[in-house]
Amino acid sequence: MTVTILHNPRCSKSRATLNLLRDNGIEPKIVDYLETPPTAEEFKSILDKLALGPRDVIRRGEKVYKELELADDNLSDTALITAMVGNPILIERPIVIKGDKAALGRPPESVLEIV
């Protein structure tokens, strides 16, 4: 079964997670999600696999988070997902997906539970 990593090569946690997978004999499909972001439907599926909501994986420190006023508690999950796939820098990384499970690589070792 294919293991996929939503990866940002500039992120130390993302690089560490990729190296950890490789150290465990897993060569994942690498998706540079900043270049190829998931669709809203794909991202909702990833959130379901993570058993998390969009607020659980949104990067609040990004400039665009403040510009789009995403801290507004009245925003729906759909609005947040739309903002995140339109501005993929907002998506916390890395995310590793295998089958019907996914894990956030924070810390990197947490992805080992699903692979």
PDB file of N, CA and C in Angstrom:
ATOM      1  N   MET A   1       0.845  -1.183   0.000  1.00  0.00           N
ATOM      2  CA  MET A   1       0.000   0.000   0.000  1.00  0.00           C
ATOM      3  C   MET A   1       0.891   1.247   0.000  1.00  0.00           C
ATOM      4  N   THR A   2       0.512   2.201  -0.827  1.00  0.00           N
ATOM      5  CA  THR A   2       1.296   3.422  -0.980  1.00  0.00           C
ATOM      6  C   THR A   2       1.226   4.295   0.266  1.00  0.00           C
ATOM      7  N   VAL A   3       2.375   4.818   0.646  1.00  0.00           N
ATOM      8  CA  VAL A   3       2.473   5.819   1.704  1.00  0.00           C
ATOM      9  C   VAL A   3       2.770   7.142   1.004  1.00  0.00           C
ATOM     10  N   THR A   4       1.997   8.160   1.329  1.00  0.00           N
ATOM     11  CA  THR A   4       2.157   9.485   0.719  1.00  0.00           C
ATOM     12  C   THR A   4       2.497  10.483   1.817  1.00  0.00           C
ATOM     13  N   ILE A   5       3.399  11.407   1.491  1.00  0.00           N
ATOM     14  CA  ILE A   5       3.720  12.487   2.422  1.00  0.00           C
ATOM     15  C   ILE A   5       3.444  13.824   1.739  1.00  0.00           C
ATOM     16  N   LEU A   6       2.633  14.653   2.409  1.00  0.00           N
ATOM     17  CA  LEU A   6       2.470  16.039   1.979  1.00  0.00           C
ATOM     18  C   LEU A   6       3.653  16.774   2.571  1.00  0.00           C
ATOM     19  N   HIS A   7       4.565  17.180   1.710  1.00  0.00           N
ATOM     20  CA  HIS A   7       5.909  17.574   2.105  1.00  0.00           C
ATOM     21  C   HIS A   7       6.227  18.997   1.687  1.00  0.00           C
ATOM     22  N   ASN A   8       6.949  19.686   2.565  1.00  0.00           N
ATOM     23  CA  ASN A   8       7.538  20.981   2.239  1.00  0.00           C
ATOM     24  C   ASN A   8       9.036  20.824   2.468  1.00  0.00           C
ATOM     25  N   PRO A   9       9.828  20.769   1.393  1.00  0.00           N
ATOM     26  CA  PRO A   9      11.262  20.525   1.561  1.00  0.00           C
ATOM     27  C   PRO A   9      11.991  21.596   2.371  1.00  0.00           C
ATOM     28  N   ARG A  10      11.380  22.769   2.561  1.00  0.00           N
ATOM     29  CA  ARG A  10      12.018  23.824   3.352  1.00  0.00           C
ATOM     30  C   ARG A  10      11.742  23.687   4.847  1.00  0.00           C
ATOM     31  N   CYS A  11      10.881  22.753   5.222  1.00  0.00           N
ATOM     32  CA  CYS A  11      10.478  22.585   6.623  1.00  0.00           C
ATOM     33  C   CYS A  11      11.310  21.481   7.281  1.00  0.00           C
ATOM     34  N   SER A  12      11.927  21.801   8.409  1.00  0.00           N
ATOM     35  CA  SER A  12      12.784  20.817   9.085  1.00  0.00           C
ATOM     36  C   SER A  12      11.989  19.611   9.577  1.00  0.00           C
ATOM     37  N   LYS A  13      10.781  19.819  10.084  1.00  0.00           N
ATOM     38  CA  LYS A  13       9.953  18.687  10.556  1.00  0.00           C
ATOM     39  C   LYS A  13       9.556  17.797   9.377  1.00  0.00           C
ATOM     40  N   SER A  14       9.272  18.409   8.258  1.00  0.00           N
ATOM     41  CA  SER A  14       8.903  17.651   7.073  1.00  0.00           C
ATOM     42  C   SER A  14      10.089  16.820   6.579  1.00  0.00           C
ATOM     43  N   ARG A  15      11.256  17.422   6.530  1.00  0.00           N
ATOM     44  CA  ARG A  15      12.466  16.683   6.120  1.00  0.00           C
ATOM     45  C   ARG A  15      12.772  15.563   7.107  1.00  0.00           C
ATOM     46  N   ALA A  16      12.624  15.829   8.398  1.00  0.00           N
ATOM     47  CA  ALA A  16      12.897  14.807   9.417  1.00  0.00           C
ATOM     48  C   ALA A  16      11.925  13.633   9.279  1.00  0.00           C
ATOM     49  N   THR A  17      10.666  13.942   8.992  1.00  0.00           N
ATOM     50  CA  THR A  17       9.667  12.881   8.833  1.00  0.00           C
ATOM     51  C   THR A  17       9.974  12.044   7.600  1.00  0.00           C
ATOM     52  N   LEU A  18      10.334  12.685   6.504  1.00  0.00           N
ATOM     53  CA  LEU A  18      10.693  11.953   5.288  1.00  0.00           C
ATOM     54  C   LEU A  18      11.898  11.048   5.550  1.00  0.00           C
ATOM     55  N   ASN A  19      12.905  11.567   6.228  1.00  0.00           N
ATOM     56  CA  ASN A  19      14.077  10.755   6.558  1.00  0.00           C
ATOM     57  C   ASN A  19      13.711   9.585   7.469  1.00  0.00           C
ATOM     58  N   LEU A  20      12.832   9.814   8.422  1.00  0.00           N
ATOM     59  CA  LEU A  20      12.394   8.753   9.332  1.00  0.00           C
ATOM     60  C   LEU A  20      11.693   7.637   8.555  1.00  0.00           C
ATOM     61  N   LEU A  21      10.829   8.005   7.633  1.00  0.00           N
ATOM     62  CA  LEU A  21      10.163   6.996   6.804  1.00  0.00           C
ATOM     63  C   LEU A  21      11.198   6.178   6.033  1.00  0.00           C
ATOM     64  N   ARG A  22      12.133   6.870   5.410  1.00  0.00           N
ATOM     65  CA  ARG A  22      13.171   6.182   4.630  1.00  0.00           C
ATOM     66  C   ARG A  22      14.037   5.305   5.522  1.00  0.00           C
ATOM     67  N   ASP A  23      14.357   5.775   6.719  1.00  0.00           N
ATOM     68  CA  ASP A  23      15.144   4.977   7.663  1.00  0.00           C
ATOM     69  C   ASP A  23      14.419   3.701   8.072  1.00  0.00           C
ATOM     70  N   ASN A  24      13.086   3.708   7.934  1.00  0.00           N
ATOM     71  CA  ASN A  24      12.274   2.543   8.267  1.00  0.00           C
ATOM     72  C   ASN A  24      11.888   1.743   7.017  1.00  0.00           C
ATOM     73  N   GLY A  25      12.619   1.973   5.935  1.00  0.00           N
ATOM     74  CA  GLY A  25      12.434   1.190   4.725  1.00  0.00           C
ATOM     75  C   GLY A  25      11.223   1.577   3.886  1.00  0.00           C
ATOM     76  N   ILE A  26      10.704   2.763   4.096  1.00  0.00           N
ATOM     77  CA  ILE A  26       9.517   3.216   3.364  1.00  0.00           C
ATOM     78  C   ILE A  26       9.923   4.350   2.435  1.00  0.00           C
ATOM     79  N   GLU A  27       9.696   4.153   1.144  1.00  0.00           N
ATOM     80  CA  GLU A  27       9.932   5.220   0.172  1.00  0.00           C
ATOM     81  C   GLU A  27       8.564   5.763  -0.234  1.00  0.00           C
ATOM     82  N   PRO A  28       8.154   6.875   0.377  1.00  0.00           N
ATOM     83  CA  PRO A  28       6.803   7.386   0.133  1.00  0.00           C
ATOM     84  C   PRO A  28       6.683   8.124  -1.191  1.00  0.00           C
ATOM     85  N   LYS A  29       5.453   8.257  -1.627  1.00  0.00           N
ATOM     86  CA  LYS A  29       5.141   9.165  -2.724  1.00  0.00           C
ATOM     87  C   LYS A  29       5.203  10.563  -2.106  1.00  0.00           C
ATOM     88  N   ILE A  30       6.015  11.428  -2.677  1.00  0.00           N
ATOM     89  CA  ILE A  30       6.213  12.771  -2.122  1.00  0.00           C
ATOM     90  C   ILE A  30       5.371  13.772  -2.913  1.00  0.00           C
ATOM     91  N   VAL A  31       4.508  14.477  -2.197  1.00  0.00           N
ATOM     92  CA  VAL A  31       3.685  15.519  -2.810  1.00  0.00           C
ATOM     93  C   VAL A  31       4.113  16.855  -2.206  1.00  0.00           C
ATOM     94  N   ASP A  32       4.716  17.701  -3.024  1.00  0.00           N
ATOM     95  CA  ASP A  32       5.050  19.057  -2.579  1.00  0.00           C
ATOM     96  C   ASP A  32       3.737  19.838  -2.614  1.00  0.00           C
ATOM     97  N   TYR A  33       3.069  19.869  -1.467  1.00  0.00           N
ATOM     98  CA  TYR A  33       1.704  20.392  -1.424  1.00  0.00           C
ATOM     99  C   TYR A  33       1.634  21.902  -1.662  1.00  0.00           C
ATOM    100  N   LEU A  34       2.767  22.593  -1.568  1.00  0.00           N
ATOM    101  CA  LEU A  34       2.755  24.024  -1.898  1.00  0.00           C
ATOM    102  C   LEU A  34       2.661  24.206  -3.416  1.00  0.00           C
ATOM    103  N   GLU A  35       3.250  23.257  -4.164  1.00  0.00           N
ATOM    104  CA  GLU A  35       3.200  23.287  -5.626  1.00  0.00           C
ATOM    105  C   GLU A  35       1.929  22.620  -6.152  1.00  0.00           C
ATOM    106  N   THR A  36       1.514  21.552  -5.474  1.00  0.00           N
ATOM    107  CA  THR A  36       0.343  20.772  -5.893  1.00  0.00           C
ATOM    108  C   THR A  36      -0.574  20.588  -4.689  1.00  0.00           C
ATOM    109  N   PRO A  37      -1.343  21.622  -4.336  1.00  0.00           N
ATOM    110  CA  PRO A  37      -2.196  21.504  -3.158  1.00  0.00           C
ATOM    111  C   PRO A  37      -3.357  20.539  -3.403  1.00  0.00           C
ATOM    112  N   PRO A  38      -3.859  19.940  -2.338  1.00  0.00           N
ATOM    113  CA  PRO A  38      -5.033  19.082  -2.503  1.00  0.00           C
ATOM    114  C   PRO A  38      -6.253  19.928  -2.858  1.00  0.00           C
ATOM    115  N   THR A  39      -7.232  19.287  -3.476  1.00  0.00           N
ATOM    116  CA  THR A  39      -8.509  19.960  -3.696  1.00  0.00           C
ATOM    117  C   THR A  39      -9.228  20.022  -2.350  1.00  0.00           C
ATOM    118  N   ALA A  40     -10.292  20.790  -2.282  1.00  0.00           N
ATOM    119  CA  ALA A  40     -11.072  20.872  -1.043  1.00  0.00           C
ATOM    120  C   ALA A  40     -11.593  19.496  -0.658  1.00  0.00           C
ATOM    121  N   GLU A  41     -12.053  18.728  -1.639  1.00  0.00           N
ATOM    122  CA  GLU A  41     -12.574  17.382  -1.374  1.00  0.00           C
ATOM    123  C   GLU A  41     -11.461  16.460  -0.863  1.00  0.00           C
ATOM    124  N   GLU A  42     -10.296  16.527  -1.499  1.00  0.00           N
ATOM    125  CA  GLU A  42      -9.158  15.708  -1.047  1.00  0.00           C
ATOM    126  C   GLU A  42      -8.735  16.099   0.369  1.00  0.00           C
ATOM    127  N   PHE A  43      -8.713  17.398   0.643  1.00  0.00           N
ATOM    128  CA  PHE A  43      -8.282  17.846   1.968  1.00  0.00           C
ATOM    129  C   PHE A  43      -9.282  17.441   3.040  1.00  0.00           C
ATOM    130  N   LYS A  44     -10.572  17.495   2.710  1.00  0.00           N
ATOM    131  CA  LYS A  44     -11.575  17.040   3.673  1.00  0.00           C
ATOM    132  C   LYS A  44     -11.379  15.552   3.972  1.00  0.00           C
ATOM    133  N   SER A  45     -11.067  14.770   2.955  1.00  0.00           N
ATOM    134  CA  SER A  45     -10.794  13.340   3.144  1.00  0.00           C
ATOM    135  C   SER A  45      -9.566  13.141   4.037  1.00  0.00           C
ATOM    136  N   ILE A  46      -8.536  13.953   3.832  1.00  0.00           N
ATOM    137  CA  ILE A  46      -7.330  13.868   4.668  1.00  0.00           C
ATOM    138  C   ILE A  46      -7.675  14.205   6.122  1.00  0.00           C
ATOM    139  N   LEU A  47      -8.475  15.243   6.314  1.00  0.00           N
ATOM    140  CA  LEU A  47      -8.889  15.608   7.674  1.00  0.00           C
ATOM    141  C   LEU A  47      -9.659  14.467   8.329  1.00  0.00           C
ATOM    142  N   ASP A  48     -10.532  13.807   7.558  1.00  0.00           N
ATOM    143  CA  ASP A  48     -11.275  12.658   8.094  1.00  0.00           C
ATOM    144  C   ASP A  48     -10.312  11.550   8.519  1.00  0.00           C
ATOM    145  N   LYS A  49      -9.294  11.301   7.698  1.00  0.00           N
ATOM    146  CA  LYS A  49      -8.302  10.266   8.024  1.00  0.00           C
ATOM    147  C   LYS A  49      -7.485  10.641   9.264  1.00  0.00           C
ATOM    148  N   LEU A  50      -7.248  11.934   9.430  1.00  0.00           N
ATOM    149  CA  LEU A  50      -6.530  12.420  10.617  1.00  0.00           C
ATOM    150  C   LEU A  50      -7.431  12.435  11.853  1.00  0.00           C
ATOM    151  N   ALA A  51      -8.741  12.410  11.629  1.00  0.00           N
ATOM    152  CA  ALA A  51      -9.744  12.589  12.700  1.00  0.00           C
ATOM    153  C   ALA A  51      -9.538  13.952  13.374  1.00  0.00           C
ATOM    154  N   LEU A  52      -9.292  14.966  12.525  1.00  0.00           N
ATOM    155  CA  LEU A  52      -9.084  16.336  13.000  1.00  0.00           C
ATOM    156  C   LEU A  52      -9.925  17.288  12.160  1.00  0.00           C
ATOM    157  N   GLY A  53     -10.141  18.467  12.707  1.00  0.00           N
ATOM    158  CA  GLY A  53     -10.822  19.519  11.972  1.00  0.00           C
ATOM    159  C   GLY A  53      -9.809  20.473  11.385  1.00  0.00           C
ATOM    160  N   PRO A  54     -10.246  21.367  10.494  1.00  0.00           N
ATOM    161  CA  PRO A  54      -9.300  22.293   9.871  1.00  0.00           C
ATOM    162  C   PRO A  54      -8.570  23.190  10.870  1.00  0.00           C
ATOM    163  N   ARG A  55      -9.225  23.586  11.947  1.00  0.00           N
ATOM    164  CA  ARG A  55      -8.537  24.436  12.935  1.00  0.00           C
ATOM    165  C   ARG A  55      -7.389  23.699  13.629  1.00  0.00           C
ATOM    166  N   ASP A  56      -7.451  22.358  13.631  1.00  0.00           N
ATOM    167  CA  ASP A  56      -6.398  21.564  14.270  1.00  0.00           C
ATOM    168  C   ASP A  56      -5.110  21.525  13.447  1.00  0.00           C
ATOM    169  N   VAL A  57      -5.210  21.835  12.152  1.00  0.00           N
ATOM    170  CA  VAL A  57      -4.036  21.731  11.279  1.00  0.00           C
ATOM    171  C   VAL A  57      -3.770  23.020  10.507  1.00  0.00           C
ATOM    172  N   ILE A  58      -4.284  24.132  11.020  1.00  0.00           N
ATOM    173  CA  ILE A  58      -4.037  25.411  10.349  1.00  0.00           C
ATOM    174  C   ILE A  58      -2.854  26.109  11.018  1.00  0.00           C
ATOM    175  N   ARG A  59      -2.016  26.684  10.196  1.00  0.00           N
ATOM    176  CA  ARG A  59      -0.822  27.381  10.693  1.00  0.00           C
ATOM    177  C   ARG A  59      -1.199  28.836  11.004  1.00  0.00           C
ATOM    178  N   ARG A  60      -1.388  29.105  12.290  1.00  0.00           N
ATOM    179  CA  ARG A  60      -1.853  30.424  12.729  1.00  0.00           C
ATOM    180  C   ARG A  60      -0.791  31.515  12.619  1.00  0.00           C
ATOM    181  N   GLY A  61       0.466  31.139  12.516  1.00  0.00           N
ATOM    182  CA  GLY A  61       1.541  32.130  12.462  1.00  0.00           C
ATOM    183  C   GLY A  61       1.799  32.702  11.076  1.00  0.00           C
ATOM    184  N   GLU A  62       1.117  32.166  10.075  1.00  0.00           N
ATOM    185  CA  GLU A  62       1.333  32.652   8.711  1.00  0.00           C
ATOM    186  C   GLU A  62       0.646  34.005   8.500  1.00  0.00           C
ATOM    187  N   LYS A  63       1.306  34.859   7.738  1.00  0.00           N
ATOM    188  CA  LYS A  63       0.784  36.207   7.461  1.00  0.00           C
ATOM    189  C   LYS A  63      -0.618  36.152   6.853  1.00  0.00           C
ATOM    190  N   VAL A  64      -0.843  35.215   5.932  1.00  0.00           N
ATOM    191  CA  VAL A  64      -2.136  35.109   5.253  1.00  0.00           C
ATOM    192  C   VAL A  64      -3.254  34.724   6.228  1.00  0.00           C
ATOM    193  N   TYR A  65      -2.914  34.049   7.322  1.00  0.00           N
ATOM    194  CA  TYR A  65      -3.910  33.707   8.346  1.00  0.00           C
ATOM    195  C   TYR A  65      -4.530  34.985   8.909  1.00  0.00           C
ATOM    196  N   LYS A  66      -3.688  35.952   9.207  1.00  0.00           N
ATOM    197  CA  LYS A  66      -4.171  37.230   9.741  1.00  0.00           C
ATOM    198  C   LYS A  66      -4.866  38.042   8.646  1.00  0.00           C
ATOM    199  N   GLU A  67      -4.281  38.053   7.432  1.00  0.00           N
ATOM    200  CA  GLU A  67      -4.855  38.826   6.331  1.00  0.00           C
ATOM    201  C   GLU A  67      -6.279  38.374   6.003  1.00  0.00           C
ATOM    202  N   LEU A  68      -6.512  37.065   6.056  1.00  0.00           N
ATOM    203  CA  LEU A  68      -7.839  36.525   5.726  1.00  0.00           C
ATOM    204  C   LEU A  68      -8.769  36.464   6.937  1.00  0.00           C
ATOM    205  N   GLU A  69      -8.275  36.936   8.080  1.00  0.00           N
ATOM    206  CA  GLU A  69      -9.059  36.966   9.324  1.00  0.00           C
ATOM    207  C   GLU A  69      -9.623  35.589   9.672  1.00  0.00           C
ATOM    208  N   LEU A  70      -8.753  34.572   9.589  1.00  0.00           N
ATOM    209  CA  LEU A  70      -9.182  33.192   9.825  1.00  0.00           C
ATOM    210  C   LEU A  70      -9.349  32.852  11.297  1.00  0.00           C
ATOM    211  N   ALA A  71      -8.975  33.756  12.181  1.00  0.00           N
ATOM    212  CA  ALA A  71      -9.178  33.521  13.614  1.00  0.00           C
ATOM    213  C   ALA A  71     -10.652  33.666  14.000  1.00  0.00           C
ATOM    214  N   ASP A  72     -11.453  34.189  13.091  1.00  0.00           N
ATOM    215  CA  ASP A  72     -12.882  34.396  13.336  1.00  0.00           C
ATOM    216  C   ASP A  72     -13.560  33.055  13.627  1.00  0.00           C
ATOM    217  N   ASP A  73     -14.049  32.889  14.858  1.00  0.00           N
ATOM    218  CA  ASP A  73     -14.684  31.627  15.268  1.00  0.00           C
ATOM    219  C   ASP A  73     -15.977  31.343  14.522  1.00  0.00           C
ATOM    220  N   ASN A  74     -16.534  32.324  13.843  1.00  0.00           N
ATOM    221  CA  ASN A  74     -17.781  32.121  13.104  1.00  0.00           C
ATOM    222  C   ASN A  74     -17.567  31.490  11.738  1.00  0.00           C
ATOM    223  N   LEU A  75     -16.308  31.366  11.311  1.00  0.00           N
ATOM    224  CA  LEU A  75     -16.039  30.765  10.011  1.00  0.00           C
ATOM    225  C   LEU A  75     -16.342  29.270  10.055  1.00  0.00           C
ATOM    226  N   SER A  76     -16.982  28.785   9.003  1.00  0.00           N
ATOM    227  CA  SER A  76     -17.317  27.359   8.909  1.00  0.00           C
ATOM    228  C   SER A  76     -16.079  26.549   8.534  1.00  0.00           C
ATOM    229  N   ASP A  77     -16.167  25.246   8.769  1.00  0.00           N
ATOM    230  CA  ASP A  77     -15.087  24.352   8.336  1.00  0.00           C
ATOM    231  C   ASP A  77     -14.881  24.473   6.834  1.00  0.00           C
ATOM    232  N   THR A  78     -15.965  24.594   6.085  1.00  0.00           N
ATOM    233  CA  THR A  78     -15.865  24.717   4.629  1.00  0.00           C
ATOM    234  C   THR A  78     -15.087  25.974   4.248  1.00  0.00           C
ATOM    235  N   ALA A  79     -15.347  27.074   4.926  1.00  0.00           N
ATOM    236  CA  ALA A  79     -14.628  28.324   4.645  1.00  0.00           C
ATOM    237  C   ALA A  79     -13.146  28.172   4.968  1.00  0.00           C
ATOM    238  N   LEU A  80     -12.839  27.508   6.076  1.00  0.00           N
ATOM    239  CA  LEU A  80     -11.441  27.298   6.451  1.00  0.00           C
ATOM    240  C   LEU A  80     -10.737  26.394   5.444  1.00  0.00           C
ATOM    241  N   ILE A  81     -11.405  25.315   5.051  1.00  0.00           N
ATOM    242  CA  ILE A  81     -10.818  24.386   4.073  1.00  0.00           C
ATOM    243  C   ILE A  81     -10.565  25.109   2.752  1.00  0.00           C
ATOM    244  N   THR A  82     -11.513  25.922   2.316  1.00  0.00           N
ATOM    245  CA  THR A  82     -11.354  26.684   1.080  1.00  0.00           C
ATOM    246  C   THR A  82     -10.140  27.605   1.177  1.00  0.00           C
ATOM    247  N   ALA A  83      -9.993  28.276   2.308  1.00  0.00           N
ATOM    248  CA  ALA A  83      -8.843  29.167   2.515  1.00  0.00           C
ATOM    249  C   ALA A  83      -7.539  28.383   2.519  1.00  0.00           C
ATOM    250  N   MET A  84      -7.557  27.203   3.132  1.00  0.00           N
ATOM    251  CA  MET A  84      -6.332  26.407   3.261  1.00  0.00           C
ATOM    252  C   MET A  84      -5.884  25.824   1.921  1.00  0.00           C
ATOM    253  N   VAL A  85      -6.803  25.332   1.106  1.00  0.00           N
ATOM    254  CA  VAL A  85      -6.382  24.789  -0.184  1.00  0.00           C
ATOM    255  C   VAL A  85      -6.031  25.907  -1.162  1.00  0.00           C
ATOM    256  N   GLY A  86      -6.618  27.078  -0.969  1.00  0.00           N
ATOM    257  CA  GLY A  86      -6.266  28.230  -1.790  1.00  0.00           C
ATOM    258  C   GLY A  86      -4.950  28.868  -1.388  1.00  0.00           C
ATOM    259  N   ASN A  87      -4.540  28.628  -0.148  1.00  0.00           N
ATOM    260  CA  ASN A  87      -3.283  29.157   0.417  1.00  0.00           C
ATOM    261  C   ASN A  87      -2.621  28.010   1.179  1.00  0.00           C
ATOM    262  N   PRO A  88      -2.045  27.038   0.454  1.00  0.00           N
ATOM    263  CA  PRO A  88      -1.578  25.812   1.116  1.00  0.00           C
ATOM    264  C   PRO A  88      -0.492  26.021   2.172  1.00  0.00           C
ATOM    265  N   ILE A  89       0.130  27.177   2.211  1.00  0.00           N
ATOM    266  CA  ILE A  89       1.094  27.466   3.276  1.00  0.00           C
ATOM    267  C   ILE A  89       0.418  27.379   4.643  1.00  0.00           C
ATOM    268  N   LEU A  90      -0.912  27.504   4.664  1.00  0.00           N
ATOM    269  CA  LEU A  90      -1.669  27.435   5.915  1.00  0.00           C
ATOM    270  C   LEU A  90      -1.798  26.006   6.454  1.00  0.00           C
ATOM    271  N   ILE A  91      -1.517  25.012   5.625  1.00  0.00           N
ATOM    272  CA  ILE A  91      -1.685  23.615   6.041  1.00  0.00           C
ATOM    273  C   ILE A  91      -0.453  23.175   6.831  1.00  0.00           C
ATOM    274  N   GLU A  92      -0.690  22.710   8.045  1.00  0.00           N
ATOM    275  CA  GLU A  92       0.402  22.192   8.874  1.00  0.00           C
ATOM    276  C   GLU A  92       1.027  21.002   8.166  1.00  0.00           C
ATOM    277  N   ARG A  93       2.324  20.868   8.323  1.00  0.00           N
ATOM    278  CA  ARG A  93       3.037  19.791   7.652  1.00  0.00           C
ATOM    279  C   ARG A  93       4.006  19.140   8.598  1.00  0.00           C
ATOM    280  N   PRO A  94       4.436  17.977   8.222  1.00  0.00           N
ATOM    281  CA  PRO A  94       3.996  17.142   7.104  1.00  0.00           C
ATOM    282  C   PRO A  94       2.798  16.295   7.510  1.00  0.00           C
ATOM    283  N   ILE A  95       2.079  15.821   6.520  1.00  0.00           N
ATOM    284  CA  ILE A  95       0.997  14.864   6.749  1.00  0.00           C
ATOM    285  C   ILE A  95       1.349  13.610   5.966  1.00  0.00           C
ATOM    286  N   VAL A  96       1.304  12.475   6.658  1.00  0.00           N
ATOM    287  CA  VAL A  96       1.582  11.184   6.022  1.00  0.00           C
ATOM    288  C   VAL A  96       0.266  10.421   5.940  1.00  0.00           C
ATOM    289  N   ILE A  97       0.021   9.843   4.759  1.00  0.00           N
ATOM    290  CA  ILE A  97      -1.235   9.139   4.503  1.00  0.00           C
ATOM    291  C   ILE A  97      -0.931   7.722   4.046  1.00  0.00           C
ATOM    292  N   LYS A  98      -1.659   6.783   4.627  1.00  0.00           N
ATOM    293  CA  LYS A  98      -1.574   5.387   4.187  1.00  0.00           C
ATOM    294  C   LYS A  98      -2.966   4.791   4.304  1.00  0.00           C
ATOM    295  N   GLY A  99      -3.549   4.450   3.147  1.00  0.00           N
ATOM    296  CA  GLY A  99      -4.885   3.865   3.146  1.00  0.00           C
ATOM    297  C   GLY A  99      -5.904   4.813   3.742  1.00  0.00           C
ATOM    298  N   ASP A 100      -6.623   4.315   4.760  1.00  0.00           N
ATOM    299  CA  ASP A 100      -7.666   5.142   5.381  1.00  0.00           C
ATOM    300  C   ASP A 100      -7.179   5.835   6.650  1.00  0.00           C
ATOM    301  N   LYS A 101      -5.850   5.914   6.810  1.00  0.00           N
ATOM    302  CA  LYS A 101      -5.277   6.572   7.990  1.00  0.00           C
ATOM    303  C   LYS A 101      -4.300   7.661   7.561  1.00  0.00           C
ATOM    304  N   ALA A 102      -4.158   8.638   8.434  1.00  0.00           N
ATOM    305  CA  ALA A 102      -3.189   9.707   8.213  1.00  0.00           C
ATOM    306  C   ALA A 102      -2.659  10.151   9.564  1.00  0.00           C
ATOM    307  N   ALA A 103      -1.477  10.740   9.540  1.00  0.00           N
ATOM    308  CA  ALA A 103      -0.863  11.242  10.775  1.00  0.00           C
ATOM    309  C   ALA A 103      -0.099  12.520  10.463  1.00  0.00           C
ATOM    310  N   LEU A 104      -0.128  13.414  11.410  1.00  0.00           N
ATOM    311  CA  LEU A 104       0.635  14.653  11.331  1.00  0.00           C
ATOM    312  C   LEU A 104       2.019  14.384  11.906  1.00  0.00           C
ATOM    313  N   GLY A 105       3.044  14.752  11.168  1.00  0.00           N
ATOM    314  CA  GLY A 105       4.418  14.484  11.596  1.00  0.00           C
ATOM    315  C   GLY A 105       4.943  15.480  12.604  1.00  0.00           C
ATOM    316  N   ARG A 106       4.214  15.694  13.653  1.00  0.00           N
ATOM    317  CA  ARG A 106       4.637  16.588  14.740  1.00  0.00           C
ATOM    318  C   ARG A 106       4.343  15.906  16.059  1.00  0.00           C
ATOM    319  N   PRO A 107       5.281  15.207  16.641  1.00  0.00           N
ATOM    320  CA  PRO A 107       6.658  15.010  16.197  1.00  0.00           C
ATOM    321  C   PRO A 107       6.727  13.985  15.062  1.00  0.00           C
ATOM    322  N   PRO A 108       7.849  13.947  14.338  1.00  0.00           N
ATOM    323  CA  PRO A 108       7.966  13.027  13.207  1.00  0.00           C
ATOM    324  C   PRO A 108       7.624  11.574  13.563  1.00  0.00           C
ATOM    325  N   GLU A 109       7.983  11.129  14.736  1.00  0.00           N
ATOM    326  CA  GLU A 109       7.760   9.735  15.138  1.00  0.00           C
ATOM    327  C   GLU A 109       6.279   9.339  15.156  1.00  0.00           C
ATOM    328  N   SER A 110       5.386  10.310  15.247  1.00  0.00           N
ATOM    329  CA  SER A 110       3.960   9.989  15.310  1.00  0.00           C
ATOM    330  C   SER A 110       3.465   9.308  14.039  1.00  0.00           C
ATOM    331  N   VAL A 111       4.157   9.488  12.916  1.00  0.00           N
ATOM    332  CA  VAL A 111       3.707   8.859  11.674  1.00  0.00           C
ATOM    333  C   VAL A 111       3.969   7.356  11.659  1.00  0.00           C
ATOM    334  N   LEU A 112       4.854   6.890  12.500  1.00  0.00           N
ATOM    335  CA  LEU A 112       5.176   5.460  12.530  1.00  0.00           C
ATOM    336  C   LEU A 112       3.982   4.622  12.961  1.00  0.00           C
ATOM    337  N   GLU A 113       3.034   5.225  13.676  1.00  0.00           N
ATOM    338  CA  GLU A 113       1.846   4.503  14.129  1.00  0.00           C
ATOM    339  C   GLU A 113       0.982   4.020  12.961  1.00  0.00           C
ATOM    340  N   ILE A 114       1.031   4.701  11.825  1.00  0.00           N
ATOM    341  CA  ILE A 114       0.160   4.311  10.710  1.00  0.00           C
ATOM    342  C   ILE A 114       0.879   3.537   9.614  1.00  0.00           C
ATOM    343  N   VAL A 115       2.203   3.530   9.643  1.00  0.00           N
ATOM    344  CA  VAL A 115       2.937   2.817   8.598  1.00  0.00           C
ATOM    345  C   VAL A 115       3.392   1.494   9.159  1.00  0.00           C
TER     346      VAL A 115
END
